[in-house]
Amino acid sequence: MYIQNSGEAFNLASNQRIDVSLDKLTTKLQQQLAQDGHCCIAKLSFTSLQDLYGFACEIYRQA
């Protein structure tokens, strides 16, 4: 899956649009951050897909 900064999500293999919710994406981001060794992620909360996208970009830009 890839997410554009507009908040739209697409399947990488088929390029088909995927309906996603902010809650599902927050959970996926928390799981990925945990796998990557980040801590203190349980309380992450976002008000929009754009906020989540911006946060993820910032975190992984620093890595």
PDB file of N, CA and C in Angstrom:
ATOM      1  N   MET A   1       0.838  -1.168   0.000  1.00  0.00           N
ATOM      2  CA  MET A   1       0.000   0.000   0.000  1.00  0.00           C
ATOM      3  C   MET A   1       0.886   1.236   0.000  1.00  0.00           C
ATOM      4  N   TYR A   2       0.483   2.236  -0.737  1.00  0.00           N
ATOM      5  CA  TYR A   2       1.136   3.529  -0.611  1.00  0.00           C
ATOM      6  C   TYR A   2       0.065   4.595  -0.430  1.00  0.00           C
ATOM      7  N   ILE A   3       0.431   5.643   0.261  1.00  0.00           N
ATOM      8  CA  ILE A   3      -0.502   6.717   0.590  1.00  0.00           C
ATOM      9  C   ILE A   3       0.038   8.014   0.031  1.00  0.00           C
ATOM     10  N   GLN A   4      -0.797   8.717  -0.686  1.00  0.00           N
ATOM     11  CA  GLN A   4      -0.408  10.024  -1.193  1.00  0.00           C
ATOM     12  C   GLN A   4      -0.650  11.066  -0.109  1.00  0.00           C
ATOM     13  N   ASN A   5      -0.020  12.226  -0.249  1.00  0.00           N
ATOM     14  CA  ASN A   5      -0.207  13.254   0.776  1.00  0.00           C
ATOM     15  C   ASN A   5      -1.634  13.783   0.813  1.00  0.00           C
ATOM     16  N   SER A   6      -2.436  13.461  -0.182  1.00  0.00           N
ATOM     17  CA  SER A   6      -3.852  13.837  -0.177  1.00  0.00           C
ATOM     18  C   SER A   6      -4.665  12.944   0.752  1.00  0.00           C
ATOM     19  N   GLY A   7      -4.048  11.813   1.179  1.00  0.00           N
ATOM     20  CA  GLY A   7      -4.741  10.870   2.037  1.00  0.00           C
ATOM     21  C   GLY A   7      -5.292   9.676   1.288  1.00  0.00           C
ATOM     22  N   GLU A   8      -5.204   9.687  -0.045  1.00  0.00           N
ATOM     23  CA  GLU A   8      -5.660   8.539  -0.818  1.00  0.00           C
ATOM     24  C   GLU A   8      -4.645   7.408  -0.707  1.00  0.00           C
ATOM     25  N   ALA A   9      -5.154   6.173  -0.642  1.00  0.00           N
ATOM     26  CA  ALA A   9      -4.284   5.001  -0.531  1.00  0.00           C
ATOM     27  C   ALA A   9      -4.501   4.097  -1.736  1.00  0.00           C
ATOM     28  N   PHE A  10      -3.406   3.448  -2.161  1.00  0.00           N
ATOM     29  CA  PHE A  10      -3.452   2.588  -3.337  1.00  0.00           C
ATOM     30  C   PHE A  10      -2.679   1.305  -3.088  1.00  0.00           C
ATOM     31  N   ASN A  11      -3.102   0.226  -3.738  1.00  0.00           N
ATOM     32  CA  ASN A  11      -2.398  -1.046  -3.707  1.00  0.00           C
ATOM     33  C   ASN A  11      -1.169  -0.922  -4.591  1.00  0.00           C
ATOM     34  N   LEU A  12      -0.006  -1.311  -4.077  1.00  0.00           N
ATOM     35  CA  LEU A  12       1.231  -1.212  -4.853  1.00  0.00           C
ATOM     36  C   LEU A  12       1.217  -2.099  -6.090  1.00  0.00           C
ATOM     37  N   ALA A  13       0.677  -3.298  -5.966  1.00  0.00           N
ATOM     38  CA  ALA A  13       0.711  -4.255  -7.069  1.00  0.00           C
ATOM     39  C   ALA A  13      -0.245  -3.882  -8.199  1.00  0.00           C
ATOM     40  N   SER A  14      -1.444  -3.445  -7.841  1.00  0.00           N
ATOM     41  CA  SER A  14      -2.460  -3.202  -8.867  1.00  0.00           C
ATOM     42  C   SER A  14      -2.732  -1.727  -9.126  1.00  0.00           C
ATOM     43  N   ASN A  15      -2.215  -0.857  -8.275  1.00  0.00           N
ATOM     44  CA  ASN A  15      -2.470   0.582  -8.356  1.00  0.00           C
ATOM     45  C   ASN A  15      -3.949   0.918  -8.151  1.00  0.00           C
ATOM     46  N   GLN A  16      -4.704  -0.027  -7.588  1.00  0.00           N
ATOM     47  CA  GLN A  16      -6.114   0.178  -7.320  1.00  0.00           C
ATOM     48  C   GLN A  16      -6.283   0.954  -6.020  1.00  0.00           C
ATOM     49  N   ARG A  17      -7.242   1.890  -6.011  1.00  0.00           N
ATOM     50  CA  ARG A  17      -7.502   2.691  -4.817  1.00  0.00           C
ATOM     51  C   ARG A  17      -8.046   1.799  -3.706  1.00  0.00           C
ATOM     52  N   ILE A  18      -7.609   2.054  -2.477  1.00  0.00           N
ATOM     53  CA  ILE A  18      -8.039   1.307  -1.297  1.00  0.00           C
ATOM     54  C   ILE A  18      -8.720   2.288  -0.348  1.00  0.00           C
ATOM     55  N   ASP A  19      -9.885   1.896   0.151  1.00  0.00           N
ATOM     56  CA  ASP A  19     -10.540   2.710   1.172  1.00  0.00           C
ATOM     57  C   ASP A  19      -9.897   2.395   2.512  1.00  0.00           C
ATOM     58  N   VAL A  20      -9.396   3.413   3.164  1.00  0.00           N
ATOM     59  CA  VAL A  20      -8.751   3.234   4.456  1.00  0.00           C
ATOM     60  C   VAL A  20      -9.344   4.215   5.452  1.00  0.00           C
ATOM     61  N   SER A  21      -9.263   3.841   6.706  1.00  0.00           N
ATOM     62  CA  SER A  21      -9.719   4.747   7.752  1.00  0.00           C
ATOM     63  C   SER A  21      -8.511   5.226   8.544  1.00  0.00           C
ATOM     64  N   LEU A  22      -8.674   6.327   9.192  1.00  0.00           N
ATOM     65  CA  LEU A  22      -7.609   6.890  10.011  1.00  0.00           C
ATOM     66  C   LEU A  22      -7.214   5.922  11.123  1.00  0.00           C
ATOM     67  N   ASP A  23      -8.189   5.256  11.722  1.00  0.00           N
ATOM     68  CA  ASP A  23      -7.893   4.293  12.791  1.00  0.00           C
ATOM     69  C   ASP A  23      -7.052   3.126  12.282  1.00  0.00           C
ATOM     70  N   LYS A  24      -7.413   2.578  11.124  1.00  0.00           N
ATOM     71  CA  LYS A  24      -6.657   1.450  10.567  1.00  0.00           C
ATOM     72  C   LYS A  24      -5.232   1.864  10.223  1.00  0.00           C
ATOM     73  N   LEU A  25      -5.082   3.036   9.638  1.00  0.00           N
ATOM     74  CA  LEU A  25      -3.742   3.491   9.272  1.00  0.00           C
ATOM     75  C   LEU A  25      -2.905   3.811  10.503  1.00  0.00           C
ATOM     76  N   THR A  26      -3.523   4.363  11.530  1.00  0.00           N
ATOM     77  CA  THR A  26      -2.793   4.635  12.767  1.00  0.00           C
ATOM     78  C   THR A  26      -2.275   3.328  13.357  1.00  0.00           C
ATOM     79  N   THR A  27      -3.117   2.304  13.361  1.00  0.00           N
ATOM     80  CA  THR A  27      -2.701   0.994  13.871  1.00  0.00           C
ATOM     81  C   THR A  27      -1.556   0.431  13.045  1.00  0.00           C
ATOM     82  N   LYS A  28      -1.652   0.524  11.722  1.00  0.00           N
ATOM     83  CA  LYS A  28      -0.575   0.021  10.855  1.00  0.00           C
ATOM     84  C   LYS A  28       0.723   0.784  11.100  1.00  0.00           C
ATOM     85  N   LEU A  29       0.631   2.099  11.265  1.00  0.00           N
ATOM     86  CA  LEU A  29       1.827   2.899  11.529  1.00  0.00           C
ATOM     87  C   LEU A  29       2.434   2.518  12.876  1.00  0.00           C
ATOM     88  N   GLN A  30       1.597   2.338  13.896  1.00  0.00           N
ATOM     89  CA  GLN A  30       2.097   1.921  15.206  1.00  0.00           C
ATOM     90  C   GLN A  30       2.815   0.574  15.109  1.00  0.00           C
ATOM     91  N   GLN A  31       2.247  -0.362  14.361  1.00  0.00           N
ATOM     92  CA  GLN A  31       2.875  -1.674  14.193  1.00  0.00           C
ATOM     93  C   GLN A  31       4.230  -1.544  13.504  1.00  0.00           C
ATOM     94  N   GLN A  32       4.290  -0.732  12.461  1.00  0.00           N
ATOM     95  CA  GLN A  32       5.547  -0.565  11.734  1.00  0.00           C
ATOM     96  C   GLN A  32       6.594   0.126  12.601  1.00  0.00           C
ATOM     97  N   LEU A  33       6.190   1.143  13.342  1.00  0.00           N
ATOM     98  CA  LEU A  33       7.126   1.831  14.225  1.00  0.00           C
ATOM     99  C   LEU A  33       7.674   0.877  15.282  1.00  0.00           C
ATOM    100  N   ALA A  34       6.806   0.018  15.829  1.00  0.00           N
ATOM    101  CA  ALA A  34       7.252  -0.962  16.823  1.00  0.00           C
ATOM    102  C   ALA A  34       8.255  -1.929  16.202  1.00  0.00           C
ATOM    103  N   GLN A  35       7.979  -2.392  14.991  1.00  0.00           N
ATOM    104  CA  GLN A  35       8.902  -3.302  14.303  1.00  0.00           C
ATOM    105  C   GLN A  35      10.243  -2.631  14.044  1.00  0.00           C
ATOM    106  N   ASP A  36      10.213  -1.331  13.837  1.00  0.00           N
ATOM    107  CA  ASP A  36      11.439  -0.586  13.554  1.00  0.00           C
ATOM    108  C   ASP A  36      12.169  -0.150  14.822  1.00  0.00           C
ATOM    109  N   GLY A  37      11.630  -0.544  15.997  1.00  0.00           N
ATOM    110  CA  GLY A  37      12.320  -0.276  17.249  1.00  0.00           C
ATOM    111  C   GLY A  37      11.947   1.015  17.944  1.00  0.00           C
ATOM    112  N   HIS A  38      10.918   1.701  17.492  1.00  0.00           N
ATOM    113  CA  HIS A  38      10.474   2.928  18.160  1.00  0.00           C
ATOM    114  C   HIS A  38       9.650   2.564  19.390  1.00  0.00           C
ATOM    115  N   CYS A  39       9.684   3.437  20.388  1.00  0.00           N
ATOM    116  CA  CYS A  39       8.902   3.190  21.595  1.00  0.00           C
ATOM    117  C   CYS A  39       7.899   4.327  21.791  1.00  0.00           C
ATOM    118  N   CYS A  40       7.056   4.196  22.800  1.00  0.00           N
ATOM    119  CA  CYS A  40       6.083   5.236  23.166  1.00  0.00           C
ATOM    120  C   CYS A  40       5.140   5.554  22.007  1.00  0.00           C
ATOM    121  N   ILE A  41       4.636   4.518  21.354  1.00  0.00           N
ATOM    122  CA  ILE A  41       3.793   4.729  20.181  1.00  0.00           C
ATOM    123  C   ILE A  41       2.319   4.460  20.450  1.00  0.00           C
ATOM    124  N   ALA A  42       2.001   3.920  21.613  1.00  0.00           N
ATOM    125  CA  ALA A  42       0.621   3.522  21.909  1.00  0.00           C
ATOM    126  C   ALA A  42      -0.338   4.707  21.936  1.00  0.00           C
ATOM    127  N   LYS A  43       0.158   5.881  22.265  1.00  0.00           N
ATOM    128  CA  LYS A  43      -0.723   7.039  22.410  1.00  0.00           C
ATOM    129  C   LYS A  43      -0.777   7.911  21.163  1.00  0.00           C
ATOM    130  N   LEU A  44      -0.222   7.429  20.058  1.00  0.00           N
ATOM    131  CA  LEU A  44      -0.285   8.213  18.827  1.00  0.00           C
ATOM    132  C   LEU A  44      -1.734   8.431  18.429  1.00  0.00           C
ATOM    133  N   SER A  45      -2.033   9.643  18.033  1.00  0.00           N
ATOM    134  CA  SER A  45      -3.386  10.002  17.632  1.00  0.00           C
ATOM    135  C   SER A  45      -3.288  11.086  16.567  1.00  0.00           C
ATOM    136  N   PHE A  46      -4.105  10.971  15.544  1.00  0.00           N
ATOM    137  CA  PHE A  46      -4.072  11.933  14.442  1.00  0.00           C
ATOM    138  C   PHE A  46      -5.484  12.411  14.149  1.00  0.00           C
ATOM    139  N   THR A  47      -5.597  13.626  13.647  1.00  0.00           N
ATOM    140  CA  THR A  47      -6.908  14.182  13.331  1.00  0.00           C
ATOM    141  C   THR A  47      -7.240  14.082  11.851  1.00  0.00           C
ATOM    142  N   SER A  48      -6.244  13.753  11.030  1.00  0.00           N
ATOM    143  CA  SER A  48      -6.491  13.613   9.593  1.00  0.00           C
ATOM    144  C   SER A  48      -5.446  12.688   8.982  1.00  0.00           C
ATOM    145  N   LEU A  49      -5.757  12.160   7.813  1.00  0.00           N
ATOM    146  CA  LEU A  49      -4.795  11.330   7.097  1.00  0.00           C
ATOM    147  C   LEU A  49      -3.559  12.135   6.731  1.00  0.00           C
ATOM    148  N   GLN A  50      -3.746  13.411   6.448  1.00  0.00           N
ATOM    149  CA  GLN A  50      -2.605  14.259   6.111  1.00  0.00           C
ATOM    150  C   GLN A  50      -1.664  14.407   7.301  1.00  0.00           C
ATOM    151  N   ASP A  51      -2.213  14.527   8.513  1.00  0.00           N
ATOM    152  CA  ASP A  51      -1.374  14.604   9.716  1.00  0.00           C
ATOM    153  C   ASP A  51      -0.578  13.313   9.908  1.00  0.00           C
ATOM    154  N   LEU A  52      -1.247  12.180   9.726  1.00  0.00           N
ATOM    155  CA  LEU A  52      -0.575  10.889   9.856  1.00  0.00           C
ATOM    156  C   LEU A  52       0.531  10.774   8.812  1.00  0.00           C
ATOM    157  N   TYR A  53       0.236  11.140   7.593  1.00  0.00           N
ATOM    158  CA  TYR A  53       1.207  11.088   6.499  1.00  0.00           C
ATOM    159  C   TYR A  53       2.418  11.971   6.820  1.00  0.00           C
ATOM    160  N   GLY A  54       2.164  13.184   7.273  1.00  0.00           N
ATOM    161  CA  GLY A  54       3.247  14.104   7.614  1.00  0.00           C
ATOM    162  C   GLY A  54       4.124  13.571   8.735  1.00  0.00           C
ATOM    163  N   PHE A  55       3.498  12.983   9.748  1.00  0.00           N
ATOM    164  CA  PHE A  55       4.244  12.394  10.860  1.00  0.00           C
ATOM    165  C   PHE A  55       5.128  11.257  10.368  1.00  0.00           C
ATOM    166  N   ALA A  56       4.556  10.356   9.577  1.00  0.00           N
ATOM    167  CA  ALA A  56       5.318   9.216   9.059  1.00  0.00           C
ATOM    168  C   ALA A  56       6.480   9.690   8.189  1.00  0.00           C
ATOM    169  N   CYS A  57       6.244  10.678   7.362  1.00  0.00           N
ATOM    170  CA  CYS A  57       7.320  11.214   6.516  1.00  0.00           C
ATOM    171  C   CYS A  57       8.443  11.781   7.372  1.00  0.00           C
ATOM    172  N   GLU A  58       8.089  12.504   8.411  1.00  0.00           N
ATOM    173  CA  GLU A  58       9.095  13.106   9.284  1.00  0.00           C
ATOM    174  C   GLU A  58       9.906  12.039  10.021  1.00  0.00           C
ATOM    175  N   ILE A  59       9.238  11.038  10.555  1.00  0.00           N
ATOM    176  CA  ILE A  59       9.924   9.964  11.289  1.00  0.00           C
ATOM    177  C   ILE A  59      10.893   9.227  10.377  1.00  0.00           C
ATOM    178  N   TYR A  60      10.430   8.859   9.201  1.00  0.00           N
ATOM    179  CA  TYR A  60      11.271   8.049   8.322  1.00  0.00           C
ATOM    180  C   TYR A  60      12.284   8.880   7.545  1.00  0.00           C
ATOM    181  N   ARG A  61      12.099  10.168   7.500  1.00  0.00           N
ATOM    182  CA  ARG A  61      13.114  11.047   6.909  1.00  0.00           C
ATOM    183  C   ARG A  61      14.333  11.097   7.827  1.00  0.00           C
ATOM    184  N   GLN A  62      14.096  11.017   9.142  1.00  0.00           N
ATOM    185  CA  GLN A  62      15.172  11.080  10.131  1.00  0.00           C
ATOM    186  C   GLN A  62      15.933   9.766  10.244  1.00  0.00           C
ATOM    187  N   ALA A  63      15.325   8.682   9.800  1.00  0.00           N
ATOM    188  CA  ALA A  63      15.951   7.351   9.954  1.00  0.00           C
ATOM    189  C   ALA A  63      17.106   7.143   9.002  1.00  0.00           C
TER     190      ALA A  63
END
